[in-house]
Amino acid sequence: MYPSPTVAGGTPPVSIVCSPSSGSSFPAGSTTVSCTATDLKALADSCSFTVTVSVSVPRISATRFVAFGDSITEGKPGTSGYHPGVSKFRTAYAEVLYNMLTARYSSQAIELYDEGYAGEQVQGGPPPGPGVVRLPGVLSADTPQVLLLQEGANDLNQNGVDGIPSLIEGLRIMIGQARVRGIIVFLGTLLPQRPNGTPPRAAHPEAIVPANAQIRALARSEGAILVDLWDAFGGSPDPWIDPDGLHPNAAGYRKMAETFFAALQRNFEIAPAPSTLVRAPGRAP
C-alpha cells in the first residue's frame, strides 16, 4: 500500500487516479506509479514515483558435492544427457539432485559429481573397489565440500546378515576418510528391496532392516548427517523399485534426490533477507 498523493491548489473536489493502484501486487524490480489529479474545472496535473521490490535469492553455504556408491548411485544407463558438474552420462538421483540445486540456488555455481560404480562393495569385491579403497582417490580428485554416501547393497547381496559387521566397519572407515579432509558426510540408509525380481537382483532383502539400524547408529556415533532413504520410501519397494527388486525406477531416483535435497537445504541454506519495498518520491500535483 502507498499513501495518496498530496494535492495543492485546484478547485475542490479533486479526484486522484493512480496506476498501478495502491494495494496492487508489484513484481520484483522497479515499477513506475503514475497519478493524475483532476479538479472541478477539469484542470489536471500528474506526478509519478517508483516502487522498487527487492527479493533475495536463496543461497547455500556448500556448492561442491560428490555422490558416492554403487549402481544405485551410478544410475541406470539412459539418454537423459550430461549436465555440467555431473560426471556421469546416466539417469541417476545425482542428476535429479543437481537440477534441483541449480534451480533453487540459481545465483551460485553448483558442482555435483556422480562417482557411483556398479557392482562395488564397501569392503571386498573386484577392482576398482572396494569402496574403502576407491574413495580416497575420488575425494582427492573432486575435492568436494560434501560427500553423499549411500552404499552396501552389494555387500549384503554377497553375504546376507553375516556381511553387516564388515559393511558397517567399511562405512566407518569411509566417513573417517572424508572427515580427515574436512568434508561433511551425509550417510544414506539402504533402500527397500523386493525378492524374486525379474531378473532377480536382491539376494538378501531380509538383511536391509538390521543393516539400516546399524547405519543409523553409525551416523550418530561418527557425526555424519543421516539421510533416511528407507523411511522416505516408506519401507516399501513399491512404487519406487524396478522389477529387478534392487534398483530404483525413475520415481525412486526422484525420491532419493528429494530426500537428499531436503537434508542439504536444512543444513546449508542461508536464510534470505526479507523482501523490501522502497518508494521513491516524485513531484506532487
C-alpha atoms as a PDB file:
ATOM      1  CA  MET A   1       0.000   0.000   0.000  1.00  0.00           C
ATOM      2  CA  TYR A   2       1.141   3.543  -0.665  1.00  0.00           C
ATOM      3  CA  PRO A   3      -0.464   6.809   0.539  1.00  0.00           C
ATOM      4  CA  SER A   4      -2.446   9.044  -1.791  1.00  0.00           C
ATOM      5  CA  PRO A   5      -0.547  11.993  -3.300  1.00  0.00           C
ATOM      6  CA  THR A   6      -0.941  15.331  -1.545  1.00  0.00           C
ATOM      7  CA  VAL A   7      -2.856  17.911  -3.625  1.00  0.00           C
ATOM      8  CA  ALA A   8      -2.060  21.650  -3.528  1.00  0.00           C
ATOM      9  CA  GLY A   9      -4.301  24.182  -5.282  1.00  0.00           C
ATOM     10  CA  GLY A  10      -7.083  23.482  -7.723  1.00  0.00           C
ATOM     11  CA  THR A  11     -10.824  23.773  -7.253  1.00  0.00           C
ATOM     12  CA  PRO A  12     -12.274  21.122  -4.968  1.00  0.00           C
ATOM     13  CA  PRO A  13     -13.334  18.439  -5.182  1.00  0.00           C
ATOM     14  CA  VAL A  14     -10.199  16.919  -6.713  1.00  0.00           C
ATOM     15  CA  SER A  15     -10.244  13.300  -7.895  1.00  0.00           C
ATOM     16  CA  ILE A  16      -6.995  11.300  -7.929  1.00  0.00           C
ATOM     17  CA  VAL A  17      -6.342   8.194 -10.015  1.00  0.00           C
ATOM     18  CA  CYS A  18      -3.100   6.242  -9.717  1.00  0.00           C
ATOM     19  CA  SER A  19      -1.864   3.342 -11.828  1.00  0.00           C
ATOM     20  CA  PRO A  20      -0.991   0.775 -10.617  1.00  0.00           C
ATOM     21  CA  SER A  21      -3.405   1.443  -7.797  1.00  0.00           C
ATOM     22  CA  SER A  22      -2.485   1.308  -4.140  1.00  0.00           C
ATOM     23  CA  GLY A  23      -2.726  -2.272  -2.890  1.00  0.00           C
ATOM     24  CA  SER A  24      -1.680  -3.787  -6.210  1.00  0.00           C
ATOM     25  CA  SER A  25       0.860  -6.601  -6.332  1.00  0.00           C
ATOM     26  CA  PHE A  26       4.224  -5.348  -7.551  1.00  0.00           C
ATOM     27  CA  PRO A  27       6.750  -7.641  -9.247  1.00  0.00           C
ATOM     28  CA  ALA A  28      10.386  -7.807  -8.234  1.00  0.00           C
ATOM     29  CA  GLY A  29      12.316  -4.841  -9.600  1.00  0.00           C
ATOM     30  CA  SER A  30      11.212  -1.265 -10.213  1.00  0.00           C
ATOM     31  CA  THR A  31       7.711  -0.154 -11.238  1.00  0.00           C
ATOM     32  CA  THR A  32       6.686   3.433 -12.017  1.00  0.00           C
ATOM     33  CA  VAL A  33       3.413   4.574 -10.479  1.00  0.00           C
ATOM     34  CA  SER A  34       1.685   7.486 -12.243  1.00  0.00           C
ATOM     35  CA  CYS A  35      -1.018   9.584 -10.543  1.00  0.00           C
ATOM     36  CA  THR A  36      -3.315  12.189 -12.109  1.00  0.00           C
ATOM     37  CA  ALA A  37      -5.346  14.746 -10.146  1.00  0.00           C
ATOM     38  CA  THR A  38      -8.360  16.395 -11.821  1.00  0.00           C
ATOM     39  CA  ASP A  39     -10.255  19.264 -10.174  1.00  0.00           C
ATOM     40  CA  LEU A  40     -13.815  20.555 -10.553  1.00  0.00           C
ATOM     41  CA  LYS A  41     -12.794  22.692 -13.567  1.00  0.00           C
ATOM     42  CA  ALA A  42     -11.260  19.693 -15.321  1.00  0.00           C
ATOM     43  CA  LEU A  43      -7.784  21.042 -14.776  1.00  0.00           C
ATOM     44  CA  ALA A  44      -5.339  18.188 -14.367  1.00  0.00           C
ATOM     45  CA  ASP A  45      -1.811  17.627 -13.215  1.00  0.00           C
ATOM     46  CA  SER A  46       0.186  14.492 -12.632  1.00  0.00           C
ATOM     47  CA  CYS A  47       3.096  13.067 -10.734  1.00  0.00           C
ATOM     48  CA  SER A  48       4.957   9.779 -10.616  1.00  0.00           C
ATOM     49  CA  PHE A  49       7.137   7.787  -8.297  1.00  0.00           C
ATOM     50  CA  THR A  50       8.953   4.474  -8.381  1.00  0.00           C
ATOM     51  CA  VAL A  51       8.215   1.397  -6.288  1.00  0.00           C
ATOM     52  CA  THR A  52      11.162  -0.979  -6.026  1.00  0.00           C
ATOM     53  CA  VAL A  53      10.654  -4.500  -4.709  1.00  0.00           C
ATOM     54  CA  SER A  54      13.879  -6.266  -3.722  1.00  0.00           C
ATOM     55  CA  VAL A  55      13.722 -10.058  -3.262  1.00  0.00           C
ATOM     56  CA  SER A  56      16.729 -12.027  -2.020  1.00  0.00           C
ATOM     57  CA  VAL A  57      17.627 -15.193  -3.964  1.00  0.00           C
ATOM     58  CA  PRO A  58      18.182 -18.282  -1.774  1.00  0.00           C
ATOM     59  CA  ARG A  59      21.817 -19.241  -1.270  1.00  0.00           C
ATOM     60  CA  ILE A  60      23.563 -22.336   0.033  1.00  0.00           C
ATOM     61  CA  SER A  61      26.800 -22.440   2.022  1.00  0.00           C
ATOM     62  CA  ALA A  62      28.161 -25.575   0.268  1.00  0.00           C
ATOM     63  CA  THR A  63      28.323 -25.806  -3.518  1.00  0.00           C
ATOM     64  CA  ARG A  64      30.590 -28.757  -4.352  1.00  0.00           C
ATOM     65  CA  PHE A  65      29.282 -32.297  -3.829  1.00  0.00           C
ATOM     66  CA  VAL A  66      30.224 -35.909  -4.570  1.00  0.00           C
ATOM     67  CA  ALA A  67      27.643 -38.702  -4.693  1.00  0.00           C
ATOM     68  CA  PHE A  68      29.475 -41.956  -3.954  1.00  0.00           C
ATOM     69  CA  GLY A  69      28.239 -45.535  -4.005  1.00  0.00           C
ATOM     70  CA  ASP A  70      27.403 -48.492  -6.209  1.00  0.00           C
ATOM     71  CA  SER A  71      24.996 -48.868  -9.152  1.00  0.00           C
ATOM     72  CA  ILE A  72      22.179 -47.287  -7.136  1.00  0.00           C
ATOM     73  CA  THR A  73      24.256 -44.094  -7.113  1.00  0.00           C
ATOM     74  CA  GLU A  74      25.731 -44.508 -10.587  1.00  0.00           C
ATOM     75  CA  GLY A  75      22.288 -44.863 -12.103  1.00  0.00           C
ATOM     76  CA  LYS A  76      20.957 -46.961 -14.904  1.00  0.00           C
ATOM     77  CA  PRO A  77      22.128 -46.280 -18.479  1.00  0.00           C
ATOM     78  CA  GLY A  78      19.910 -43.695 -20.090  1.00  0.00           C
ATOM     79  CA  THR A  79      19.709 -40.922 -22.637  1.00  0.00           C
ATOM     80  CA  SER A  80      18.887 -38.048 -20.315  1.00  0.00           C
ATOM     81  CA  GLY A  81      22.185 -36.371 -21.128  1.00  0.00           C
ATOM     82  CA  TYR A  82      25.140 -34.780 -19.434  1.00  0.00           C
ATOM     83  CA  HIS A  83      24.935 -31.729 -17.202  1.00  0.00           C
ATOM     84  CA  PRO A  84      27.925 -29.542 -16.315  1.00  0.00           C
ATOM     85  CA  GLY A  85      29.145 -30.573 -12.890  1.00  0.00           C
ATOM     86  CA  VAL A  86      27.693 -34.096 -13.122  1.00  0.00           C
ATOM     87  CA  SER A  87      30.300 -36.606 -14.176  1.00  0.00           C
ATOM     88  CA  LYS A  88      28.137 -39.465 -15.487  1.00  0.00           C
ATOM     89  CA  PHE A  89      26.118 -39.925 -18.661  1.00  0.00           C
ATOM     90  CA  ARG A  90      23.343 -41.581 -16.687  1.00  0.00           C
ATOM     91  CA  THR A  91      19.843 -41.371 -15.335  1.00  0.00           C
ATOM     92  CA  ALA A  92      20.532 -41.183 -11.592  1.00  0.00           C
ATOM     93  CA  TYR A  93      19.462 -39.442  -8.407  1.00  0.00           C
ATOM     94  CA  ALA A  94      22.571 -37.242  -8.649  1.00  0.00           C
ATOM     95  CA  GLU A  95      21.344 -35.775 -11.927  1.00  0.00           C
ATOM     96  CA  VAL A  96      17.913 -35.007 -10.476  1.00  0.00           C
ATOM     97  CA  LEU A  97      19.518 -33.542  -7.363  1.00  0.00           C
ATOM     98  CA  TYR A  98      21.847 -31.380  -9.457  1.00  0.00           C
ATOM     99  CA  ASN A  99      18.858 -29.957 -11.334  1.00  0.00           C
ATOM    100  CA  MET A 100      17.058 -29.217  -8.069  1.00  0.00           C
ATOM    101  CA  LEU A 101      20.088 -27.469  -6.582  1.00  0.00           C
ATOM    102  CA  THR A 102      20.794 -25.335  -9.645  1.00  0.00           C
ATOM    103  CA  ALA A 103      17.137 -24.350  -9.938  1.00  0.00           C
ATOM    104  CA  ARG A 104      16.875 -23.130  -6.348  1.00  0.00           C
ATOM    105  CA  TYR A 105      20.372 -21.654  -5.971  1.00  0.00           C
ATOM    106  CA  SER A 106      20.470 -20.078  -9.414  1.00  0.00           C
ATOM    107  CA  SER A 107      22.924 -17.329  -8.445  1.00  0.00           C
ATOM    108  CA  GLN A 108      25.630 -19.846  -7.496  1.00  0.00           C
ATOM    109  CA  ALA A 109      27.803 -22.313  -9.391  1.00  0.00           C
ATOM    110  CA  ILE A 110      26.875 -25.796  -8.203  1.00  0.00           C
ATOM    111  CA  GLU A 111      29.132 -28.795  -8.870  1.00  0.00           C
ATOM    112  CA  LEU A 112      27.905 -32.330  -8.230  1.00  0.00           C
ATOM    113  CA  TYR A 113      29.935 -35.368  -9.307  1.00  0.00           C
ATOM    114  CA  ASP A 114      28.287 -38.781  -9.619  1.00  0.00           C
ATOM    115  CA  GLU A 115      31.005 -41.213  -8.538  1.00  0.00           C
ATOM    116  CA  GLY A 116      28.879 -44.342  -8.301  1.00  0.00           C
ATOM    117  CA  TYR A 117      30.362 -47.603  -9.590  1.00  0.00           C
ATOM    118  CA  ALA A 118      28.146 -50.560 -10.459  1.00  0.00           C
ATOM    119  CA  GLY A 119      28.846 -53.783  -8.572  1.00  0.00           C
ATOM    120  CA  GLU A 120      31.058 -52.170  -5.955  1.00  0.00           C
ATOM    121  CA  GLN A 121      31.102 -53.373  -2.365  1.00  0.00           C
ATOM    122  CA  VAL A 122      32.110 -51.298   0.623  1.00  0.00           C
ATOM    123  CA  GLN A 123      34.634 -53.996   1.541  1.00  0.00           C
ATOM    124  CA  GLY A 124      35.594 -56.824  -0.816  1.00  0.00           C
ATOM    125  CA  GLY A 125      34.780 -57.311  -4.457  1.00  0.00           C
ATOM    126  CA  PRO A 126      36.780 -56.753  -7.666  1.00  0.00           C
ATOM    127  CA  PRO A 127      38.711 -53.593  -8.653  1.00  0.00           C
ATOM    128  CA  PRO A 128      38.338 -50.646  -8.714  1.00  0.00           C
ATOM    129  CA  GLY A 129      36.591 -51.347  -5.450  1.00  0.00           C
ATOM    130  CA  PRO A 130      36.138 -51.874  -2.634  1.00  0.00           C
ATOM    131  CA  GLY A 131      34.702 -48.503  -1.767  1.00  0.00           C
ATOM    132  CA  VAL A 132      37.134 -48.032   1.108  1.00  0.00           C
ATOM    133  CA  VAL A 133      39.975 -48.241  -1.428  1.00  0.00           C
ATOM    134  CA  ARG A 134      38.379 -46.163  -4.212  1.00  0.00           C
ATOM    135  CA  LEU A 135      37.007 -43.291  -2.108  1.00  0.00           C
ATOM    136  CA  PRO A 136      40.271 -41.527  -1.155  1.00  0.00           C
ATOM    137  CA  GLY A 137      41.244 -41.056  -4.811  1.00  0.00           C
ATOM    138  CA  VAL A 138      37.788 -39.678  -5.639  1.00  0.00           C
ATOM    139  CA  LEU A 139      37.928 -37.205  -2.768  1.00  0.00           C
ATOM    140  CA  SER A 140      41.409 -36.044  -3.786  1.00  0.00           C
ATOM    141  CA  ALA A 141      40.364 -35.610  -7.430  1.00  0.00           C
ATOM    142  CA  ASP A 142      36.975 -33.946  -6.906  1.00  0.00           C
ATOM    143  CA  THR A 143      37.761 -32.005  -3.686  1.00  0.00           C
ATOM    144  CA  PRO A 144      34.121 -31.815  -2.513  1.00  0.00           C
ATOM    145  CA  GLN A 145      32.817 -29.963   0.490  1.00  0.00           C
ATOM    146  CA  VAL A 146      30.134 -32.604   0.986  1.00  0.00           C
ATOM    147  CA  LEU A 147      30.083 -36.385   0.475  1.00  0.00           C
ATOM    148  CA  LEU A 148      26.730 -38.070  -0.221  1.00  0.00           C
ATOM    149  CA  LEU A 149      27.459 -41.676   0.753  1.00  0.00           C
ATOM    150  CA  GLN A 150      24.985 -44.497   0.061  1.00  0.00           C
ATOM    151  CA  GLU A 151      26.454 -47.961  -0.362  1.00  0.00           C
ATOM    152  CA  GLY A 152      26.221 -51.523   0.935  1.00  0.00           C
ATOM    153  CA  ALA A 153      23.577 -53.368  -1.083  1.00  0.00           C
ATOM    154  CA  ASN A 154      26.209 -55.478  -2.849  1.00  0.00           C
ATOM    155  CA  ASP A 155      27.889 -56.433   0.438  1.00  0.00           C
ATOM    156  CA  LEU A 156      24.575 -57.790   1.686  1.00  0.00           C
ATOM    157  CA  ASN A 157      23.802 -59.476  -1.633  1.00  0.00           C
ATOM    158  CA  GLN A 158      27.033 -61.429  -1.261  1.00  0.00           C
ATOM    159  CA  ASN A 159      26.934 -62.199   2.451  1.00  0.00           C
ATOM    160  CA  GLY A 160      23.438 -61.542   3.851  1.00  0.00           C
ATOM    161  CA  VAL A 161      23.221 -60.568   7.515  1.00  0.00           C
ATOM    162  CA  ASP A 162      26.713 -62.010   8.065  1.00  0.00           C
ATOM    163  CA  GLY A 163      28.042 -59.137   5.955  1.00  0.00           C
ATOM    164  CA  ILE A 164      26.627 -56.384   8.178  1.00  0.00           C
ATOM    165  CA  PRO A 165      29.639 -56.032  10.548  1.00  0.00           C
ATOM    166  CA  SER A 166      32.073 -55.666   7.632  1.00  0.00           C
ATOM    167  CA  LEU A 167      29.721 -53.227   5.889  1.00  0.00           C
ATOM    168  CA  ILE A 168      29.402 -51.008   8.956  1.00  0.00           C
ATOM    169  CA  GLU A 169      33.128 -51.015   9.625  1.00  0.00           C
ATOM    170  CA  GLY A 170      33.790 -50.105   5.993  1.00  0.00           C
ATOM    171  CA  LEU A 171      31.336 -47.197   6.141  1.00  0.00           C
ATOM    172  CA  ARG A 172      33.033 -46.069   9.362  1.00  0.00           C
ATOM    173  CA  ILE A 173      36.384 -46.010   7.570  1.00  0.00           C
ATOM    174  CA  MET A 174      34.900 -44.072   4.637  1.00  0.00           C
ATOM    175  CA  ILE A 175      33.346 -41.467   6.930  1.00  0.00           C
ATOM    176  CA  GLY A 176      36.753 -41.050   8.549  1.00  0.00           C
ATOM    177  CA  GLN A 177      38.446 -40.691   5.153  1.00  0.00           C
ATOM    178  CA  ALA A 178      36.124 -37.786   4.401  1.00  0.00           C
ATOM    179  CA  ARG A 179      36.222 -36.124   7.794  1.00  0.00           C
ATOM    180  CA  VAL A 180      40.028 -36.019   7.932  1.00  0.00           C
ATOM    181  CA  ARG A 181      39.800 -33.875   4.770  1.00  0.00           C
ATOM    182  CA  GLY A 182      37.208 -31.567   6.345  1.00  0.00           C
ATOM    183  CA  ILE A 183      34.384 -33.000   4.213  1.00  0.00           C
ATOM    184  CA  ILE A 184      30.878 -33.206   5.676  1.00  0.00           C
ATOM    185  CA  VAL A 185      29.275 -36.635   5.225  1.00  0.00           C
ATOM    186  CA  PHE A 186      25.599 -37.276   4.515  1.00  0.00           C
ATOM    187  CA  LEU A 187      25.029 -41.002   5.070  1.00  0.00           C
ATOM    188  CA  GLY A 188      22.079 -42.686   3.378  1.00  0.00           C
ATOM    189  CA  THR A 189      20.291 -45.784   4.604  1.00  0.00           C
ATOM    190  CA  LEU A 190      19.788 -48.699   2.209  1.00  0.00           C
ATOM    191  CA  LEU A 191      16.673 -48.862   0.042  1.00  0.00           C
ATOM    192  CA  PRO A 192      13.859 -51.385   0.423  1.00  0.00           C
ATOM    193  CA  GLN A 193      14.235 -54.448  -1.805  1.00  0.00           C
ATOM    194  CA  ARG A 194      11.836 -56.874  -3.466  1.00  0.00           C
ATOM    195  CA  PRO A 195      12.559 -60.624  -3.522  1.00  0.00           C
ATOM    196  CA  ASN A 196      12.070 -62.690  -6.666  1.00  0.00           C
ATOM    197  CA  GLY A 197      12.711 -59.811  -9.061  1.00  0.00           C
ATOM    198  CA  THR A 198      12.872 -60.045 -12.845  1.00  0.00           C
ATOM    199  CA  PRO A 199      15.773 -60.658 -13.216  1.00  0.00           C
ATOM    200  CA  PRO A 200      16.414 -61.234  -9.506  1.00  0.00           C
ATOM    201  CA  ARG A 201      18.944 -58.707  -8.184  1.00  0.00           C
ATOM    202  CA  ALA A 202      18.108 -58.635  -4.468  1.00  0.00           C
ATOM    203  CA  ALA A 203      19.574 -61.750  -2.841  1.00  0.00           C
ATOM    204  CA  HIS A 204      19.007 -60.923   0.836  1.00  0.00           C
ATOM    205  CA  PRO A 205      16.208 -58.391   1.398  1.00  0.00           C
ATOM    206  CA  GLU A 206      15.921 -59.626   4.983  1.00  0.00           C
ATOM    207  CA  ALA A 207      19.312 -58.062   5.767  1.00  0.00           C
ATOM    208  CA  ILE A 208      18.251 -54.493   4.947  1.00  0.00           C
ATOM    209  CA  VAL A 209      16.345 -53.662   8.157  1.00  0.00           C
ATOM    210  CA  PRO A 210      19.072 -54.802  10.592  1.00  0.00           C
ATOM    211  CA  ALA A 211      21.752 -53.153   8.436  1.00  0.00           C
ATOM    212  CA  ASN A 212      19.856 -49.863   8.439  1.00  0.00           C
ATOM    213  CA  ALA A 213      19.525 -49.958  12.221  1.00  0.00           C
ATOM    214  CA  GLN A 214      23.299 -50.075  12.446  1.00  0.00           C
ATOM    215  CA  ILE A 215      23.750 -47.394   9.754  1.00  0.00           C
ATOM    216  CA  ARG A 216      21.564 -45.045  11.800  1.00  0.00           C
ATOM    217  CA  ALA A 217      23.646 -45.771  14.914  1.00  0.00           C
ATOM    218  CA  LEU A 218      26.838 -45.269  12.896  1.00  0.00           C
ATOM    219  CA  ALA A 219      25.711 -41.829  11.724  1.00  0.00           C
ATOM    220  CA  ARG A 220      25.081 -40.802  15.341  1.00  0.00           C
ATOM    221  CA  SER A 221      28.401 -42.131  16.627  1.00  0.00           C
ATOM    222  CA  GLU A 222      30.524 -40.736  13.786  1.00  0.00           C
ATOM    223  CA  GLY A 223      28.877 -37.325  13.409  1.00  0.00           C
ATOM    224  CA  ALA A 224      27.551 -37.985   9.907  1.00  0.00           C
ATOM    225  CA  ILE A 225      24.231 -36.477   8.853  1.00  0.00           C
ATOM    226  CA  LEU A 226      21.705 -39.270   8.374  1.00  0.00           C
ATOM    227  CA  VAL A 227      19.582 -39.295   5.214  1.00  0.00           C
ATOM    228  CA  ASP A 228      16.962 -41.939   5.915  1.00  0.00           C
ATOM    229  CA  LEU A 229      16.052 -43.143   2.437  1.00  0.00           C
ATOM    230  CA  TRP A 230      14.357 -46.249   3.844  1.00  0.00           C
ATOM    231  CA  ASP A 231      11.892 -44.077   5.728  1.00  0.00           C
ATOM    232  CA  ALA A 232      11.428 -41.790   2.718  1.00  0.00           C
ATOM    233  CA  PHE A 233      10.439 -44.869   0.678  1.00  0.00           C
ATOM    234  CA  GLY A 234       8.011 -45.859   3.426  1.00  0.00           C
ATOM    235  CA  GLY A 235       9.973 -49.072   3.978  1.00  0.00           C
ATOM    236  CA  SER A 236       8.418 -50.487   0.812  1.00  0.00           C
ATOM    237  CA  PRO A 237       9.833 -51.206  -2.658  1.00  0.00           C
ATOM    238  CA  ASP A 238       6.556 -50.086  -4.225  1.00  0.00           C
ATOM    239  CA  PRO A 239       6.244 -47.843  -6.172  1.00  0.00           C
ATOM    240  CA  TRP A 240       9.935 -46.935  -6.080  1.00  0.00           C
ATOM    241  CA  ILE A 241      11.924 -50.033  -7.129  1.00  0.00           C
ATOM    242  CA  ASP A 242      12.324 -51.592 -10.582  1.00  0.00           C
ATOM    243  CA  PRO A 243      11.071 -55.123 -11.329  1.00  0.00           C
ATOM    244  CA  ASP A 244      14.592 -56.434 -10.639  1.00  0.00           C
ATOM    245  CA  GLY A 245      13.897 -55.781  -6.944  1.00  0.00           C
ATOM    246  CA  LEU A 246      17.059 -53.762  -6.300  1.00  0.00           C
ATOM    247  CA  HIS A 247      17.449 -50.623  -8.428  1.00  0.00           C
ATOM    248  CA  PRO A 248      15.227 -47.550  -8.231  1.00  0.00           C
ATOM    249  CA  ASN A 249      12.932 -46.660 -11.090  1.00  0.00           C
ATOM    250  CA  ALA A 250      12.537 -43.033 -12.212  1.00  0.00           C
ATOM    251  CA  ALA A 251      10.194 -42.292  -9.298  1.00  0.00           C
ATOM    252  CA  GLY A 252      12.689 -43.886  -6.916  1.00  0.00           C
ATOM    253  CA  TYR A 253      15.584 -41.811  -8.204  1.00  0.00           C
ATOM    254  CA  ARG A 254      13.485 -38.682  -7.796  1.00  0.00           C
ATOM    255  CA  LYS A 255      12.535 -39.666  -4.251  1.00  0.00           C
ATOM    256  CA  MET A 256      16.218 -40.205  -3.423  1.00  0.00           C
ATOM    257  CA  ALA A 257      17.074 -36.789  -4.876  1.00  0.00           C
ATOM    258  CA  GLU A 258      14.247 -35.083  -2.984  1.00  0.00           C
ATOM    259  CA  THR A 259      15.355 -36.690   0.284  1.00  0.00           C
ATOM    260  CA  PHE A 260      18.997 -35.673  -0.125  1.00  0.00           C
ATOM    261  CA  PHE A 261      17.913 -32.190  -1.273  1.00  0.00           C
ATOM    262  CA  ALA A 262      15.776 -31.681   1.837  1.00  0.00           C
ATOM    263  CA  ALA A 263      18.711 -32.676   4.045  1.00  0.00           C
ATOM    264  CA  LEU A 264      21.088 -30.327   2.208  1.00  0.00           C
ATOM    265  CA  GLN A 265      18.597 -27.477   2.396  1.00  0.00           C
ATOM    266  CA  ARG A 266      18.082 -27.963   6.150  1.00  0.00           C
ATOM    267  CA  ASN A 267      21.798 -27.938   6.859  1.00  0.00           C
ATOM    268  CA  PHE A 268      23.236 -25.475   4.353  1.00  0.00           C
ATOM    269  CA  GLU A 269      20.650 -22.994   3.100  1.00  0.00           C
ATOM    270  CA  ILE A 270      21.371 -19.413   4.083  1.00  0.00           C
ATOM    271  CA  ALA A 271      18.175 -17.689   5.137  1.00  0.00           C
ATOM    272  CA  PRO A 272      17.463 -14.865   2.667  1.00  0.00           C
ATOM    273  CA  ALA A 273      16.967 -11.333   3.902  1.00  0.00           C
ATOM    274  CA  PRO A 274      13.292 -10.318   3.983  1.00  0.00           C
ATOM    275  CA  SER A 275      11.849  -8.697   0.886  1.00  0.00           C
ATOM    276  CA  THR A 276      11.860  -4.898   0.938  1.00  0.00           C
ATOM    277  CA  LEU A 277       9.741  -2.282  -0.775  1.00  0.00           C
ATOM    278  CA  VAL A 278      11.190   1.176  -1.354  1.00  0.00           C
ATOM    279  CA  ARG A 279       9.090   4.088  -2.624  1.00  0.00           C
ATOM    280  CA  ALA A 280      10.957   6.888  -4.318  1.00  0.00           C
ATOM    281  CA  PRO A 281       9.029  10.170  -4.002  1.00  0.00           C
ATOM    282  CA  GLY A 282       8.009  12.069  -7.099  1.00  0.00           C
ATOM    283  CA  ARG A 283       6.588  15.530  -7.805  1.00  0.00           C
ATOM    284  CA  ALA A 284       3.197  16.167  -6.201  1.00  0.00           C
ATOM    285  CA  PRO A 285       0.394  17.657  -8.344  1.00  0.00           C
END
